[in-house]
Amino acid sequence: MNKNFAISLLAATTFFLAGCDKGADSNAAAPVPSGPIEPIAAPNGGDWTQVVTQTAEGGFLMGNPDAPVKLVEFGSMTCPHCREFDEAAMKSITDTYVKSGRVSFEFRNFVRDGLDLTASVVARCNGPASFFGLTGQLFADQPQIFEKIQAADPAQLNAIEALPGAQKLPRFAELAGLKQWAAMRGVPSSKLDQCLADQGQIDRLVQMQSDATSTYELSGTPSFLLNGEVLELTGGGTIWSQVETKLREALGS
């Protein structure tokens, strides 16, 4: 892999829709099978949603690592449809499915642009325990972050683009207000500076995107695997209603 890989910062001044495919009619409703889910108890009377580990593929997995049903999302922090999915689905995913111990949920970053890469590093900086909380908050604040980038002086963006390697990300984080944002959520500025300058982490995120594309031929986000197979979203119903239907089928309920 090319360690000098660069994702254009100027691309992040657009509407961030390129390569972001909602895959469904987000205004349509579809019936979802329902029924009780027989739980698998967490160790020591614990809560499976508090069990978060990093996977060999580089994602973060919430829940029972041995769950019989494994859901993986490939998501972009600059994809509005990923934000919509997070808003519509995460409460049900955690409270109904992950807590049961029968479904695990893994999020793999699929970086598309400089802002996406920077936000992904921010979410991952404090490790597994805070990853899902920071990711959800970044999605919630996505419109405000976009506004800061779109209001930036193009000459300033050009100057950042001309910087070598990992020097770009700290400058981009400042421009998007992400350094202050992260500090207010428990990521010290000194630690974030180290994360943003970590070329190994940057390379890992870029490699994850490359692996997803080459292995699963993914072209848009959000995209999903269910027990290792790519979920085909047909456009009949919301993204979450389609995913949940497939989850229920896999659970046999």
Protein backbone atom coordinates (compact mmCIF):
# COMPACT_ATOMS: atom_id res chain seq x y z
CA MET A 1 0.00 0.00 0.00
CA ASN A 2 1.16 3.53 -0.73
CA LYS A 3 1.86 5.28 2.58
CA ASN A 4 1.71 8.64 0.85
CA PHE A 5 -1.93 8.02 -0.05
CA ALA A 6 -3.80 11.34 0.05
CA ILE A 7 -7.54 11.93 0.18
CA SER A 8 -8.47 15.30 -1.23
CA LEU A 9 -9.45 17.84 1.39
CA LEU A 10 -11.07 19.98 -1.24
CA ALA A 11 -13.49 17.19 -1.99
CA ALA A 12 -14.89 17.71 1.50
CA THR A 13 -16.20 21.16 0.56
CA THR A 14 -18.88 19.58 -1.62
CA PHE A 15 -22.17 18.17 -0.34
CA PHE A 16 -20.38 14.94 0.68
CA LEU A 17 -22.74 12.77 -1.34
CA ALA A 18 -20.31 11.20 -3.83
CA GLY A 19 -20.06 7.50 -3.09
CA CYS A 20 -22.75 7.70 -0.42
CA ASP A 21 -25.64 5.50 -1.47
CA LYS A 22 -28.68 5.21 0.75
CA GLY A 23 -29.69 1.99 -1.02
CA ALA A 24 -33.38 2.36 -0.15
CA ASP A 25 -36.36 4.66 -0.10
CA SER A 26 -35.86 6.30 3.29
CA ASN A 27 -39.47 7.53 3.33
CA ALA A 28 -41.12 4.16 2.75
CA ALA A 29 -42.13 1.79 5.52
CA ALA A 30 -41.98 -1.99 5.39
CA PRO A 31 -43.30 -4.57 7.85
CA VAL A 32 -40.63 -6.15 10.02
CA PRO A 33 -41.02 -9.60 11.58
CA SER A 34 -41.24 -9.51 15.35
CA GLY A 35 -41.05 -11.98 18.15
CA PRO A 36 -39.16 -12.72 21.35
CA ILE A 37 -35.40 -13.21 21.15
CA GLU A 38 -34.10 -15.85 23.54
CA PRO A 39 -31.13 -14.13 25.24
CA ILE A 40 -27.65 -15.42 25.84
CA ALA A 41 -26.51 -14.20 29.25
CA ALA A 42 -23.46 -11.96 29.39
CA PRO A 43 -20.62 -13.05 31.70
CA ASN A 44 -20.94 -12.15 35.37
CA GLY A 45 -24.41 -10.70 34.89
CA GLY A 46 -23.02 -8.02 32.60
CA ASP A 47 -24.36 -6.17 29.57
CA TRP A 48 -23.25 -7.23 26.10
CA THR A 49 -23.46 -3.62 24.85
CA GLN A 50 -20.55 -2.77 27.16
CA VAL A 51 -18.34 -5.40 25.54
CA VAL A 52 -16.45 -3.69 22.69
CA THR A 53 -13.39 -5.13 20.98
CA GLN A 54 -11.32 -4.26 17.93
CA THR A 55 -11.43 -6.88 15.19
CA ALA A 56 -8.65 -8.22 13.01
CA GLU A 57 -10.20 -6.29 10.10
CA GLY A 58 -9.77 -3.02 11.99
CA GLY A 59 -13.39 -2.39 12.93
CA PHE A 60 -14.94 -2.19 16.40
CA LEU A 61 -17.36 -4.93 17.46
CA MET A 62 -20.03 -4.44 20.11
CA GLY A 63 -21.54 -7.44 21.85
CA ASN A 64 -20.99 -11.16 22.14
CA PRO A 65 -17.97 -12.07 19.98
CA ASP A 66 -19.50 -15.53 19.57
CA ALA A 67 -23.01 -14.31 18.70
CA PRO A 68 -24.67 -16.58 16.12
CA VAL A 69 -25.70 -13.55 14.03
CA LYS A 70 -23.01 -11.05 13.07
CA LEU A 71 -23.93 -7.71 11.51
CA VAL A 72 -21.21 -5.49 10.03
CA GLU A 73 -21.75 -1.93 8.80
CA PHE A 74 -19.32 -0.19 6.46
CA GLY A 75 -19.97 3.47 7.21
CA SER A 76 -18.57 6.87 6.32
CA MET A 77 -18.50 9.73 8.79
CA THR A 78 -19.30 12.18 5.97
CA CYS A 79 -22.22 10.21 4.51
CA PRO A 80 -25.63 11.73 5.32
CA HIS A 81 -27.33 8.37 4.73
CA CYS A 82 -25.03 6.77 7.30
CA ARG A 83 -26.10 9.49 9.72
CA GLU A 84 -29.76 8.72 8.98
CA PHE A 85 -29.15 5.01 9.57
CA ASP A 86 -27.37 5.69 12.86
CA GLU A 87 -30.26 7.86 14.03
CA ALA A 88 -32.92 5.34 13.00
CA ALA A 89 -31.22 2.09 13.93
CA MET A 90 -28.66 2.25 16.72
CA LYS A 91 -31.05 2.26 19.66
CA SER A 92 -32.79 -0.86 18.35
CA ILE A 93 -29.52 -2.52 17.39
CA THR A 94 -28.12 -2.07 20.89
CA ASP A 95 -31.24 -2.46 23.05
CA THR A 96 -33.04 -5.22 21.13
CA TYR A 97 -30.34 -7.17 19.37
CA VAL A 98 -26.86 -6.71 20.87
CA LYS A 99 -28.14 -6.89 24.46
CA SER A 100 -29.69 -10.27 23.67
CA GLY A 101 -26.23 -11.71 23.06
CA ARG A 102 -27.47 -13.27 19.84
CA VAL A 103 -26.35 -10.44 17.54
CA SER A 104 -23.01 -8.66 17.41
CA PHE A 105 -22.58 -5.33 15.62
CA GLU A 106 -19.32 -4.25 14.04
CA PHE A 107 -18.62 -0.84 12.49
CA ARG A 108 -15.85 -0.60 9.91
CA ASN A 109 -14.87 2.87 8.75
CA PHE A 110 -15.08 3.36 4.98
CA VAL A 111 -13.19 6.62 4.47
CA ARG A 112 -14.11 8.76 1.46
CA ASP A 113 -12.42 12.14 1.94
CA GLY A 114 -10.14 14.15 4.21
CA LEU A 115 -12.86 15.10 6.68
CA ASP A 116 -14.03 11.50 6.87
CA LEU A 117 -10.49 10.31 7.58
CA THR A 118 -10.03 12.97 10.28
CA ALA A 119 -13.37 12.24 11.97
CA SER A 120 -12.66 8.51 11.88
CA VAL A 121 -9.34 9.06 13.69
CA VAL A 122 -11.16 11.21 16.29
CA ALA A 123 -13.73 8.47 16.95
CA ARG A 124 -11.06 5.79 17.30
CA CYS A 125 -8.55 7.81 19.35
CA ASN A 126 -9.73 6.77 22.83
CA GLY A 127 -10.00 3.11 21.90
CA PRO A 128 -12.87 0.61 21.95
CA ALA A 129 -14.71 1.79 25.07
CA SER A 130 -15.63 5.20 23.65
CA PHE A 131 -15.74 4.39 19.94
CA PHE A 132 -19.48 3.89 19.50
CA GLY A 133 -20.39 6.85 21.68
CA LEU A 134 -18.07 9.21 19.79
CA THR A 135 -19.19 7.84 16.43
CA GLY A 136 -22.85 8.45 17.28
CA GLN A 137 -22.12 11.99 18.45
CA LEU A 138 -20.11 12.73 15.30
CA PHE A 139 -23.04 11.59 13.19
CA ALA A 140 -25.42 13.74 15.24
CA ASP A 141 -23.19 16.81 14.77
CA GLN A 142 -22.41 16.09 11.11
CA PRO A 143 -24.39 19.08 9.70
CA GLN A 144 -22.56 21.56 11.95
CA ILE A 145 -19.18 20.06 11.04
CA PHE A 146 -20.05 20.30 7.34
CA GLU A 147 -20.94 23.97 7.76
CA LYS A 148 -17.51 24.80 9.15
CA ILE A 149 -15.73 23.14 6.23
CA GLN A 150 -18.00 24.64 3.59
CA ALA A 151 -17.44 28.11 5.07
CA ALA A 152 -13.66 27.78 4.91
CA ASP A 153 -11.55 29.90 2.58
CA PRO A 154 -10.60 27.81 -0.50
CA ALA A 155 -7.08 29.24 -0.30
CA GLN A 156 -6.78 27.87 3.24
CA LEU A 157 -7.93 24.46 2.07
CA ASN A 158 -5.39 24.59 -0.75
CA ALA A 159 -2.65 25.37 1.77
CA ILE A 160 -3.66 22.37 3.90
CA GLU A 161 -3.76 20.17 0.82
CA ALA A 162 -0.15 21.10 0.06
CA LEU A 163 1.08 19.82 3.43
CA PRO A 164 2.87 16.48 3.55
CA GLY A 165 1.30 13.32 4.92
CA ALA A 166 -0.14 13.30 8.42
CA GLN A 167 0.38 17.06 8.86
CA LYS A 168 -2.90 17.54 7.02
CA LEU A 169 -5.17 15.90 9.58
CA PRO A 170 -4.41 18.15 12.58
CA ARG A 171 -4.99 21.24 10.45
CA PHE A 172 -8.20 19.80 9.08
CA ALA A 173 -9.36 18.94 12.62
CA GLU A 174 -8.80 22.54 13.67
CA LEU A 175 -10.68 23.87 10.65
CA ALA A 176 -13.67 21.60 11.34
CA GLY A 177 -13.66 22.38 15.08
CA LEU A 178 -12.98 18.73 15.87
CA LYS A 179 -10.14 19.34 18.33
CA GLN A 180 -12.36 21.35 20.65
CA TRP A 181 -15.26 18.97 19.96
CA ALA A 182 -13.15 15.98 21.01
CA ALA A 183 -11.72 17.70 24.10
CA MET A 184 -15.25 18.37 25.34
CA ARG A 185 -15.96 14.64 25.03
CA GLY A 186 -13.00 13.26 26.91
CA VAL A 187 -10.27 13.11 24.27
CA PRO A 188 -7.41 15.34 25.50
CA SER A 189 -5.89 17.60 22.85
CA SER A 190 -2.43 16.14 23.41
CA LYS A 191 -3.73 12.61 22.83
CA LEU A 192 -5.71 13.65 19.76
CA ASP A 193 -2.60 15.31 18.32
CA GLN A 194 -0.79 11.99 18.64
CA CYS A 195 -3.66 10.10 16.99
CA LEU A 196 -3.94 12.56 14.10
CA ALA A 197 -0.19 12.30 13.46
CA ASP A 198 -0.15 8.49 13.64
CA GLN A 199 0.68 7.45 10.07
CA GLY A 200 0.10 3.80 10.96
CA GLN A 201 -3.49 4.55 12.00
CA ILE A 202 -4.07 6.59 8.86
CA ASP A 203 -2.70 3.80 6.69
CA ARG A 204 -4.91 1.28 8.52
CA LEU A 205 -8.05 3.27 7.80
CA VAL A 206 -7.16 3.68 4.15
CA GLN A 207 -6.39 -0.05 3.93
CA MET A 208 -9.78 -0.89 5.48
CA GLN A 209 -11.50 1.03 2.70
CA SER A 210 -9.36 -0.71 0.09
CA ASP A 211 -10.05 -4.13 1.62
CA ALA A 212 -13.80 -3.51 1.67
CA THR A 213 -13.77 -2.49 -1.97
CA SER A 214 -11.60 -5.33 -3.20
CA THR A 215 -13.10 -8.10 -1.05
CA TYR A 216 -16.79 -7.19 -1.20
CA GLU A 217 -16.92 -4.86 -4.22
CA LEU A 218 -18.62 -2.17 -2.15
CA SER A 219 -19.10 1.21 -3.79
CA GLY A 220 -21.45 3.07 -1.45
CA THR A 221 -22.25 3.58 2.19
CA PRO A 222 -23.83 2.39 4.33
CA SER A 223 -23.24 -1.19 3.24
CA PHE A 224 -23.66 -4.30 5.35
CA LEU A 225 -22.52 -7.86 5.88
CA LEU A 226 -24.73 -10.40 7.62
CA ASN A 227 -22.82 -13.49 8.70
CA GLY A 228 -20.15 -12.67 6.15
CA GLU A 229 -22.44 -12.11 3.18
CA VAL A 230 -23.16 -8.72 1.58
CA LEU A 231 -26.74 -7.60 2.21
CA GLU A 232 -28.49 -6.54 -0.97
CA LEU A 233 -30.77 -3.56 -0.26
CA THR A 234 -33.54 -3.44 -2.82
CA GLY A 235 -35.07 -0.02 -2.18
CA GLY A 236 -38.25 -1.44 -0.62
CA GLY A 237 -38.49 0.32 2.74
CA THR A 238 -35.97 2.17 4.85
CA ILE A 239 -32.42 0.92 5.16
CA TRP A 240 -33.04 -0.11 8.76
CA SER A 241 -36.32 -1.91 8.03
CA GLN A 242 -34.58 -3.99 5.37
CA VAL A 243 -31.61 -4.76 7.60
CA GLU A 244 -33.86 -5.61 10.55
CA THR A 245 -35.95 -7.96 8.42
CA LYS A 246 -32.79 -9.84 7.46
CA LEU A 247 -31.68 -9.90 11.11
CA ARG A 248 -34.98 -11.45 12.16
CA GLU A 249 -34.76 -14.03 9.40
CA ALA A 250 -31.24 -14.95 10.53
CA LEU A 251 -32.49 -15.25 14.12
CA GLY A 252 -35.46 -17.33 13.03
CA SER A 253 -37.98 -14.97 14.65
